């Protein structure tokens, strides 16, 4: 995660420098991009898979729409942003994520985030990922739904023909009609996923429900497909 500069206490990022610092990388290796609403969603939904693909030699990128500053309403936004940024940096490093981009959208206002949408389009246009992981359109969280629809919209707009797979965060046990799936064996990487999530120490209250749900989802996916732990994704395109 490359921090370009600080100005008036706000975190700012140089998008072009961030993406182009190794501009030919995507030609030499495949790129997996995860697009999520908040900076721990990708761990909950795809942490084991991200680590696996890193170990396979893929370049892994993380695009986060919001800093999640509303998670601590009693703190100033800058304090929450800095805290969550620091936690996410450590967690993403553990998972082998090469770069993380924050789009700077406000929680609950993704539909008004035109600037974030332009940034996402530029990042995708340059990175040209081979695969994208993102939220499920059936996730009940409105920000998660919005991210899914924007990912589809931007990839179609720039003519990016890549596989798009969806993960659940708030649908703990989701039964749907049979659809094409990708199943990733995370038996060897589940502990990395768990450790990465626990690095988000500011989310202790969330951990009370999400860690048991993480275990349950990984166990049920493994049971269905013959592994100890598995992450299961639905193919969106």
C-alpha atoms as a PDB file:
ATOM      1  CA  UNK A   1       0.000   0.000   0.000  1.00  0.00           C
ATOM      2  CA  UNK A   2       1.817   3.117  -1.155  1.00  0.00           C
ATOM      3  CA  UNK A   3       1.104   6.286   0.761  1.00  0.00           C
ATOM      4  CA  UNK A   4       2.019   9.188  -1.491  1.00  0.00           C
ATOM      5  CA  UNK A   5       1.724  12.126   0.866  1.00  0.00           C
ATOM      6  CA  UNK A   6      -0.025  13.671   3.856  1.00  0.00           C
ATOM      7  CA  UNK A   7      -1.821  16.978   3.603  1.00  0.00           C
ATOM      8  CA  UNK A   8      -3.860  18.602   6.345  1.00  0.00           C
ATOM      9  CA  UNK A   9      -3.934  15.306   8.168  1.00  0.00           C
ATOM     10  CA  UNK A  10      -5.783  13.485   5.390  1.00  0.00           C
ATOM     11  CA  UNK A  11      -4.427  10.390   3.705  1.00  0.00           C
ATOM     12  CA  UNK A  12      -3.812  10.961   0.028  1.00  0.00           C
ATOM     13  CA  UNK A  13      -2.732   8.503  -2.643  1.00  0.00           C
ATOM     14  CA  UNK A  14      -1.018   8.911  -5.991  1.00  0.00           C
ATOM     15  CA  UNK A  15      -3.090   6.651  -8.227  1.00  0.00           C
ATOM     16  CA  UNK A  16      -0.822   6.805 -11.265  1.00  0.00           C
ATOM     17  CA  UNK A  17       2.346   6.200  -9.266  1.00  0.00           C
ATOM     18  CA  UNK A  18       0.667   3.397  -7.342  1.00  0.00           C
ATOM     19  CA  UNK A  19      -0.420   1.532 -10.445  1.00  0.00           C
ATOM     20  CA  UNK A  20       2.435   2.340 -12.772  1.00  0.00           C
ATOM     21  CA  UNK A  21       5.315   1.784 -10.358  1.00  0.00           C
ATOM     22  CA  UNK A  22       5.534  -1.665 -11.924  1.00  0.00           C
ATOM     23  CA  UNK A  23       3.513  -1.038 -15.052  1.00  0.00           C
ATOM     24  CA  UNK A  24       4.665  -4.092 -17.001  1.00  0.00           C
ATOM     25  CA  UNK A  25       3.958  -6.540 -14.174  1.00  0.00           C
ATOM     26  CA  UNK A  26       0.538  -7.528 -15.490  1.00  0.00           C
ATOM     27  CA  UNK A  27       2.145  -8.542 -18.783  1.00  0.00           C
ATOM     28  CA  UNK A  28       4.528 -10.951 -17.048  1.00  0.00           C
ATOM     29  CA  UNK A  29       2.098 -12.450 -14.545  1.00  0.00           C
ATOM     30  CA  UNK A  30      -1.613 -12.837 -14.037  1.00  0.00           C
ATOM     31  CA  UNK A  31      -3.365 -10.337 -11.805  1.00  0.00           C
ATOM     32  CA  UNK A  32      -6.122 -11.043  -9.303  1.00  0.00           C
ATOM     33  CA  UNK A  33      -8.052  -7.982  -8.153  1.00  0.00           C
ATOM     34  CA  UNK A  34     -10.479  -7.894  -5.252  1.00  0.00           C
ATOM     35  CA  UNK A  35     -12.973  -5.009  -5.033  1.00  0.00           C
ATOM     36  CA  UNK A  36     -14.699  -4.503  -1.704  1.00  0.00           C
ATOM     37  CA  UNK A  37     -16.621  -1.886   0.238  1.00  0.00           C
ATOM     38  CA  UNK A  38     -14.592  -1.918   3.464  1.00  0.00           C
ATOM     39  CA  UNK A  39     -11.019  -2.855   4.255  1.00  0.00           C
ATOM     40  CA  UNK A  40     -11.764  -6.150   5.994  1.00  0.00           C
ATOM     41  CA  UNK A  41     -14.467  -7.482   3.645  1.00  0.00           C
ATOM     42  CA  UNK A  42     -11.982  -9.170   1.328  1.00  0.00           C
ATOM     43  CA  UNK A  43     -10.514 -11.119   4.250  1.00  0.00           C
ATOM     44  CA  UNK A  44     -13.907 -12.377   5.353  1.00  0.00           C
ATOM     45  CA  UNK A  45     -14.970 -13.388   1.864  1.00  0.00           C
ATOM     46  CA  UNK A  46     -11.748 -14.328   0.099  1.00  0.00           C
ATOM     47  CA  UNK A  47      -8.756 -14.140   2.465  1.00  0.00           C
ATOM     48  CA  UNK A  48      -7.656 -17.727   1.953  1.00  0.00           C
ATOM     49  CA  UNK A  49      -8.021 -17.506  -1.815  1.00  0.00           C
ATOM     50  CA  UNK A  50      -6.016 -14.282  -1.990  1.00  0.00           C
ATOM     51  CA  UNK A  51      -3.176 -15.883  -0.059  1.00  0.00           C
ATOM     52  CA  UNK A  52      -3.301 -19.011  -2.246  1.00  0.00           C
ATOM     53  CA  UNK A  53      -3.059 -16.998  -5.458  1.00  0.00           C
ATOM     54  CA  UNK A  54      -0.197 -14.960  -4.043  1.00  0.00           C
ATOM     55  CA  UNK A  55       1.653 -18.225  -3.347  1.00  0.00           C
ATOM     56  CA  UNK A  56       0.909 -19.355  -6.921  1.00  0.00           C
ATOM     57  CA  UNK A  57       2.765 -16.304  -8.207  1.00  0.00           C
ATOM     58  CA  UNK A  58      -0.169 -14.101  -9.135  1.00  0.00           C
ATOM     59  CA  UNK A  59      -0.061 -10.353  -8.580  1.00  0.00           C
ATOM     60  CA  UNK A  60      -2.840  -9.521  -6.103  1.00  0.00           C
ATOM     61  CA  UNK A  61      -4.443  -6.077  -5.842  1.00  0.00           C
ATOM     62  CA  UNK A  62      -7.044  -4.795  -3.412  1.00  0.00           C
ATOM     63  CA  UNK A  63      -9.452  -1.935  -4.187  1.00  0.00           C
ATOM     64  CA  UNK A  64     -11.357  -0.581  -1.170  1.00  0.00           C
ATOM     65  CA  UNK A  65     -14.185   1.903  -1.553  1.00  0.00           C
ATOM     66  CA  UNK A  66     -14.283   3.337   1.972  1.00  0.00           C
ATOM     67  CA  UNK A  67     -11.990   3.811   4.965  1.00  0.00           C
ATOM     68  CA  UNK A  68     -14.862   2.639   7.195  1.00  0.00           C
ATOM     69  CA  UNK A  69     -14.735   5.773   9.328  1.00  0.00           C
ATOM     70  CA  UNK A  70     -18.334   5.336  10.516  1.00  0.00           C
ATOM     71  CA  UNK A  71     -17.336   2.180  12.435  1.00  0.00           C
ATOM     72  CA  UNK A  72     -16.311   4.399  15.367  1.00  0.00           C
ATOM     73  CA  UNK A  73     -18.757   7.343  15.381  1.00  0.00           C
ATOM     74  CA  UNK A  74     -17.420   8.623  18.713  1.00  0.00           C
ATOM     75  CA  UNK A  75     -13.987   9.261  17.153  1.00  0.00           C
ATOM     76  CA  UNK A  76     -12.963  11.909  14.660  1.00  0.00           C
ATOM     77  CA  UNK A  77     -12.959  10.624  11.094  1.00  0.00           C
ATOM     78  CA  UNK A  78      -9.212  11.148  10.726  1.00  0.00           C
ATOM     79  CA  UNK A  79      -8.482   9.076  13.833  1.00  0.00           C
ATOM     80  CA  UNK A  80     -10.610   6.198  12.563  1.00  0.00           C
ATOM     81  CA  UNK A  81      -9.136   6.411   9.057  1.00  0.00           C
ATOM     82  CA  UNK A  82      -5.566   6.308  10.329  1.00  0.00           C
ATOM     83  CA  UNK A  83      -6.327   3.428  12.689  1.00  0.00           C
ATOM     84  CA  UNK A  84      -8.077   1.303  10.078  1.00  0.00           C
ATOM     85  CA  UNK A  85      -5.477   2.126   7.441  1.00  0.00           C
ATOM     86  CA  UNK A  86      -2.677   0.903   9.724  1.00  0.00           C
ATOM     87  CA  UNK A  87      -4.524  -2.319  10.573  1.00  0.00           C
ATOM     88  CA  UNK A  88      -5.338  -3.038   6.939  1.00  0.00           C
ATOM     89  CA  UNK A  89      -1.754  -2.463   5.836  1.00  0.00           C
ATOM     90  CA  UNK A  90      -0.515  -5.171   8.211  1.00  0.00           C
ATOM     91  CA  UNK A  91      -3.314  -7.586   7.279  1.00  0.00           C
ATOM     92  CA  UNK A  92      -2.861  -7.153   3.531  1.00  0.00           C
ATOM     93  CA  UNK A  93       0.885  -7.661   3.854  1.00  0.00           C
ATOM     94  CA  UNK A  94       0.231 -10.959   5.638  1.00  0.00           C
ATOM     95  CA  UNK A  95      -1.993 -12.111   2.765  1.00  0.00           C
ATOM     96  CA  UNK A  96       0.624 -11.167   0.163  1.00  0.00           C
ATOM     97  CA  UNK A  97      -1.437  -8.371  -1.385  1.00  0.00           C
ATOM     98  CA  UNK A  98       0.920  -6.241  -3.438  1.00  0.00           C
ATOM     99  CA  UNK A  99      -1.020  -2.970  -3.518  1.00  0.00           C
ATOM    100  CA  UNK A 100      -4.162  -1.599  -1.901  1.00  0.00           C
ATOM    101  CA  UNK A 101      -6.058   1.356  -3.341  1.00  0.00           C
ATOM    102  CA  UNK A 102      -8.567   3.411  -1.347  1.00  0.00           C
ATOM    103  CA  UNK A 103     -11.190   5.162  -3.459  1.00  0.00           C
ATOM    104  CA  UNK A 104     -12.297   7.474  -0.640  1.00  0.00           C
ATOM    105  CA  UNK A 105     -16.074   7.017  -0.890  1.00  0.00           C
ATOM    106  CA  UNK A 106     -18.256   7.810   2.131  1.00  0.00           C
ATOM    107  CA  UNK A 107     -20.072   4.878   3.695  1.00  0.00           C
ATOM    108  CA  UNK A 108     -23.720   4.716   2.719  1.00  0.00           C
ATOM    109  CA  UNK A 109     -23.168   7.170  -0.143  1.00  0.00           C
ATOM    110  CA  UNK A 110     -21.513   5.000  -2.773  1.00  0.00           C
ATOM    111  CA  UNK A 111     -24.137   5.959  -5.359  1.00  0.00           C
ATOM    112  CA  UNK A 112     -22.948   9.566  -5.081  1.00  0.00           C
ATOM    113  CA  UNK A 113     -19.250   8.691  -5.336  1.00  0.00           C
ATOM    114  CA  UNK A 114     -18.504   9.771  -8.912  1.00  0.00           C
ATOM    115  CA  UNK A 115     -14.845  10.455  -8.112  1.00  0.00           C
ATOM    116  CA  UNK A 116     -14.429   6.948  -6.697  1.00  0.00           C
ATOM    117  CA  UNK A 117     -15.998   5.510  -9.831  1.00  0.00           C
ATOM    118  CA  UNK A 118     -13.522   7.361 -12.052  1.00  0.00           C
ATOM    119  CA  UNK A 119     -10.621   6.109  -9.927  1.00  0.00           C
ATOM    120  CA  UNK A 120     -11.878   2.526 -10.182  1.00  0.00           C
ATOM    121  CA  UNK A 121     -12.135   2.835 -13.957  1.00  0.00           C
ATOM    122  CA  UNK A 122      -8.566   4.098 -14.199  1.00  0.00           C
ATOM    123  CA  UNK A 123      -7.186   1.377 -11.927  1.00  0.00           C
ATOM    124  CA  UNK A 124      -8.954  -1.377 -13.877  1.00  0.00           C
ATOM    125  CA  UNK A 125      -7.942   0.103 -17.231  1.00  0.00           C
ATOM    126  CA  UNK A 126      -4.256  -0.008 -16.289  1.00  0.00           C
ATOM    127  CA  UNK A 127      -4.142  -3.184 -14.180  1.00  0.00           C
ATOM    128  CA  UNK A 128      -6.287  -5.266 -16.610  1.00  0.00           C
ATOM    129  CA  UNK A 129      -6.844  -8.098 -14.101  1.00  0.00           C
ATOM    130  CA  UNK A 130      -7.345 -11.672 -15.254  1.00  0.00           C
ATOM    131  CA  UNK A 131      -9.842 -12.276 -12.450  1.00  0.00           C
ATOM    132  CA  UNK A 132     -11.919 -10.088 -10.140  1.00  0.00           C
ATOM    133  CA  UNK A 133     -13.405 -11.076  -6.790  1.00  0.00           C
ATOM    134  CA  UNK A 134     -16.145  -8.870  -5.366  1.00  0.00           C
ATOM    135  CA  UNK A 135     -19.307  -8.781  -3.280  1.00  0.00           C
ATOM    136  CA  UNK A 136     -22.362 -10.861  -4.067  1.00  0.00           C
ATOM    137  CA  UNK A 137     -25.329  -8.941  -5.540  1.00  0.00           C
ATOM    138  CA  UNK A 138     -27.553 -10.719  -3.005  1.00  0.00           C
ATOM    139  CA  UNK A 139     -25.588  -9.398  -0.012  1.00  0.00           C
ATOM    140  CA  UNK A 140     -28.038  -7.400   2.157  1.00  0.00           C
ATOM    141  CA  UNK A 141     -25.550  -4.575   2.810  1.00  0.00           C
ATOM    142  CA  UNK A 142     -26.340  -1.703   0.375  1.00  0.00           C
ATOM    143  CA  UNK A 143     -22.674  -0.701   0.000  1.00  0.00           C
ATOM    144  CA  UNK A 144     -21.791  -4.278  -0.955  1.00  0.00           C
ATOM    145  CA  UNK A 145     -24.543  -4.357  -3.581  1.00  0.00           C
ATOM    146  CA  UNK A 146     -23.330  -1.039  -4.992  1.00  0.00           C
ATOM    147  CA  UNK A 147     -19.744  -2.276  -5.359  1.00  0.00           C
ATOM    148  CA  UNK A 148     -20.896  -5.346  -7.294  1.00  0.00           C
ATOM    149  CA  UNK A 149     -22.929  -3.274  -9.749  1.00  0.00           C
ATOM    150  CA  UNK A 150     -20.100  -0.774 -10.265  1.00  0.00           C
ATOM    151  CA  UNK A 151     -17.607  -3.573 -10.950  1.00  0.00           C
ATOM    152  CA  UNK A 152     -19.892  -4.980 -13.643  1.00  0.00           C
ATOM    153  CA  UNK A 153     -20.539  -1.506 -15.063  1.00  0.00           C
ATOM    154  CA  UNK A 154     -16.871  -0.519 -15.298  1.00  0.00           C
ATOM    155  CA  UNK A 155     -15.608  -3.810 -16.733  1.00  0.00           C
ATOM    156  CA  UNK A 156     -18.244  -3.614 -19.468  1.00  0.00           C
ATOM    157  CA  UNK A 157     -17.468   0.043 -20.147  1.00  0.00           C
ATOM    158  CA  UNK A 158     -13.725  -0.535 -20.666  1.00  0.00           C
ATOM    159  CA  UNK A 159     -14.163  -3.871 -22.438  1.00  0.00           C
ATOM    160  CA  UNK A 160     -12.390  -5.874 -19.744  1.00  0.00           C
ATOM    161  CA  UNK A 161     -13.133  -9.522 -20.480  1.00  0.00           C
ATOM    162  CA  UNK A 162     -12.211 -11.330 -17.277  1.00  0.00           C
ATOM    163  CA  UNK A 163     -13.818 -13.789 -14.905  1.00  0.00           C
ATOM    164  CA  UNK A 164     -15.767 -12.172 -12.055  1.00  0.00           C
ATOM    165  CA  UNK A 165     -16.559 -14.202  -8.944  1.00  0.00           C
ATOM    166  CA  UNK A 166     -18.649 -13.140  -5.953  1.00  0.00           C
ATOM    167  CA  UNK A 167     -18.266 -13.854  -2.253  1.00  0.00           C
ATOM    168  CA  UNK A 168     -20.605 -13.474   0.709  1.00  0.00           C
ATOM    169  CA  UNK A 169     -19.963 -11.411   3.823  1.00  0.00           C
ATOM    170  CA  UNK A 170     -23.333 -10.998   5.519  1.00  0.00           C
ATOM    171  CA  UNK A 171     -25.088 -13.995   3.971  1.00  0.00           C
ATOM    172  CA  UNK A 172     -23.839 -16.561   6.467  1.00  0.00           C
ATOM    173  CA  UNK A 173     -25.745 -19.516   5.028  1.00  0.00           C
ATOM    174  CA  UNK A 174     -27.044 -18.634   1.619  1.00  0.00           C
ATOM    175  CA  UNK A 175     -28.978 -21.181  -0.431  1.00  0.00           C
ATOM    176  CA  UNK A 176     -29.452 -20.210  -4.048  1.00  0.00           C
ATOM    177  CA  UNK A 177     -30.223 -21.814  -7.369  1.00  0.00           C
ATOM    178  CA  UNK A 178     -27.373 -23.845  -8.862  1.00  0.00           C
ATOM    179  CA  UNK A 179     -24.899 -21.550 -10.641  1.00  0.00           C
ATOM    180  CA  UNK A 180     -21.330 -21.921 -11.910  1.00  0.00           C
ATOM    181  CA  UNK A 181     -18.938 -21.787  -8.989  1.00  0.00           C
ATOM    182  CA  UNK A 182     -15.275 -21.538  -8.134  1.00  0.00           C
ATOM    183  CA  UNK A 183     -14.218 -23.560  -5.096  1.00  0.00           C
ATOM    184  CA  UNK A 184     -10.871 -22.827  -3.466  1.00  0.00           C
ATOM    185  CA  UNK A 185      -9.312 -25.243  -0.985  1.00  0.00           C
ATOM    186  CA  UNK A 186      -8.114 -23.032   1.893  1.00  0.00           C
ATOM    187  CA  UNK A 187      -7.247 -25.827   4.313  1.00  0.00           C
ATOM    188  CA  UNK A 188      -3.609 -24.688   4.356  1.00  0.00           C
ATOM    189  CA  UNK A 189      -4.323 -20.938   4.247  1.00  0.00           C
ATOM    190  CA  UNK A 190      -7.249 -20.625   6.655  1.00  0.00           C
ATOM    191  CA  UNK A 191      -4.979 -19.678   9.554  1.00  0.00           C
ATOM    192  CA  UNK A 192      -3.505 -16.844   7.451  1.00  0.00           C
ATOM    193  CA  UNK A 193      -7.047 -15.634   6.772  1.00  0.00           C
ATOM    194  CA  UNK A 194      -7.889 -15.776  10.474  1.00  0.00           C
ATOM    195  CA  UNK A 195      -4.686 -14.030  11.551  1.00  0.00           C
ATOM    196  CA  UNK A 196      -5.202 -11.301   8.958  1.00  0.00           C
ATOM    197  CA  UNK A 197      -8.719 -10.603  10.206  1.00  0.00           C
ATOM    198  CA  UNK A 198      -7.568 -10.491  13.819  1.00  0.00           C
ATOM    199  CA  UNK A 199      -5.088  -7.750  12.895  1.00  0.00           C
ATOM    200  CA  UNK A 200      -8.130  -5.478  12.514  1.00  0.00           C
ATOM    201  CA  UNK A 201      -8.107  -4.960  16.267  1.00  0.00           C
ATOM    202  CA  UNK A 202     -10.495  -2.022  16.126  1.00  0.00           C
ATOM    203  CA  UNK A 203     -13.203  -4.447  14.973  1.00  0.00           C
ATOM    204  CA  UNK A 204     -13.313  -6.504  18.171  1.00  0.00           C
ATOM    205  CA  UNK A 205     -17.099  -6.300  18.473  1.00  0.00           C
ATOM    206  CA  UNK A 206     -17.521  -7.430  14.876  1.00  0.00           C
ATOM    207  CA  UNK A 207     -15.186 -10.367  15.526  1.00  0.00           C
ATOM    208  CA  UNK A 208     -17.631 -11.811  18.058  1.00  0.00           C
ATOM    209  CA  UNK A 209     -20.000 -12.697  15.229  1.00  0.00           C
ATOM    210  CA  UNK A 210     -17.782 -12.741  12.153  1.00  0.00           C
ATOM    211  CA  UNK A 211     -15.095 -15.177  13.337  1.00  0.00           C
ATOM    212  CA  UNK A 212     -17.628 -17.928  14.173  1.00  0.00           C
ATOM    213  CA  UNK A 213     -19.344 -17.192  10.859  1.00  0.00           C
ATOM    214  CA  UNK A 214     -15.989 -17.402   9.078  1.00  0.00           C
ATOM    215  CA  UNK A 215     -15.354 -20.836  10.566  1.00  0.00           C
ATOM    216  CA  UNK A 216     -18.876 -22.020   9.773  1.00  0.00           C
ATOM    217  CA  UNK A 217     -18.746 -20.870   6.156  1.00  0.00           C
ATOM    218  CA  UNK A 218     -15.296 -22.398   5.560  1.00  0.00           C
ATOM    219  CA  UNK A 219     -16.313 -25.680   7.194  1.00  0.00           C
ATOM    220  CA  UNK A 220     -19.584 -25.933   5.279  1.00  0.00           C
ATOM    221  CA  UNK A 221     -17.835 -25.148   1.992  1.00  0.00           C
ATOM    222  CA  UNK A 222     -15.212 -27.774   2.749  1.00  0.00           C
ATOM    223  CA  UNK A 223     -17.829 -30.344   3.684  1.00  0.00           C
ATOM    224  CA  UNK A 224     -19.731 -29.785   0.450  1.00  0.00           C
ATOM    225  CA  UNK A 225     -16.675 -30.089  -1.781  1.00  0.00           C
ATOM    226  CA  UNK A 226     -14.393 -32.503   0.048  1.00  0.00           C
ATOM    227  CA  UNK A 227     -11.937 -30.230   1.857  1.00  0.00           C
ATOM    228  CA  UNK A 228     -11.295 -29.286   5.461  1.00  0.00           C
ATOM    229  CA  UNK A 229     -11.922 -25.606   4.685  1.00  0.00           C
ATOM    230  CA  UNK A 230     -13.049 -24.008   1.431  1.00  0.00           C
ATOM    231  CA  UNK A 231     -14.128 -20.657   0.044  1.00  0.00           C
ATOM    232  CA  UNK A 232     -16.944 -20.881  -2.489  1.00  0.00           C
ATOM    233  CA  UNK A 233     -17.574 -18.163  -5.071  1.00  0.00           C
ATOM    234  CA  UNK A 234     -20.439 -17.708  -7.507  1.00  0.00           C
ATOM    235  CA  UNK A 235     -19.506 -16.800 -11.064  1.00  0.00           C
ATOM    236  CA  UNK A 236     -21.048 -13.486 -12.085  1.00  0.00           C
ATOM    237  CA  UNK A 237     -19.501 -13.421 -15.549  1.00  0.00           C
END
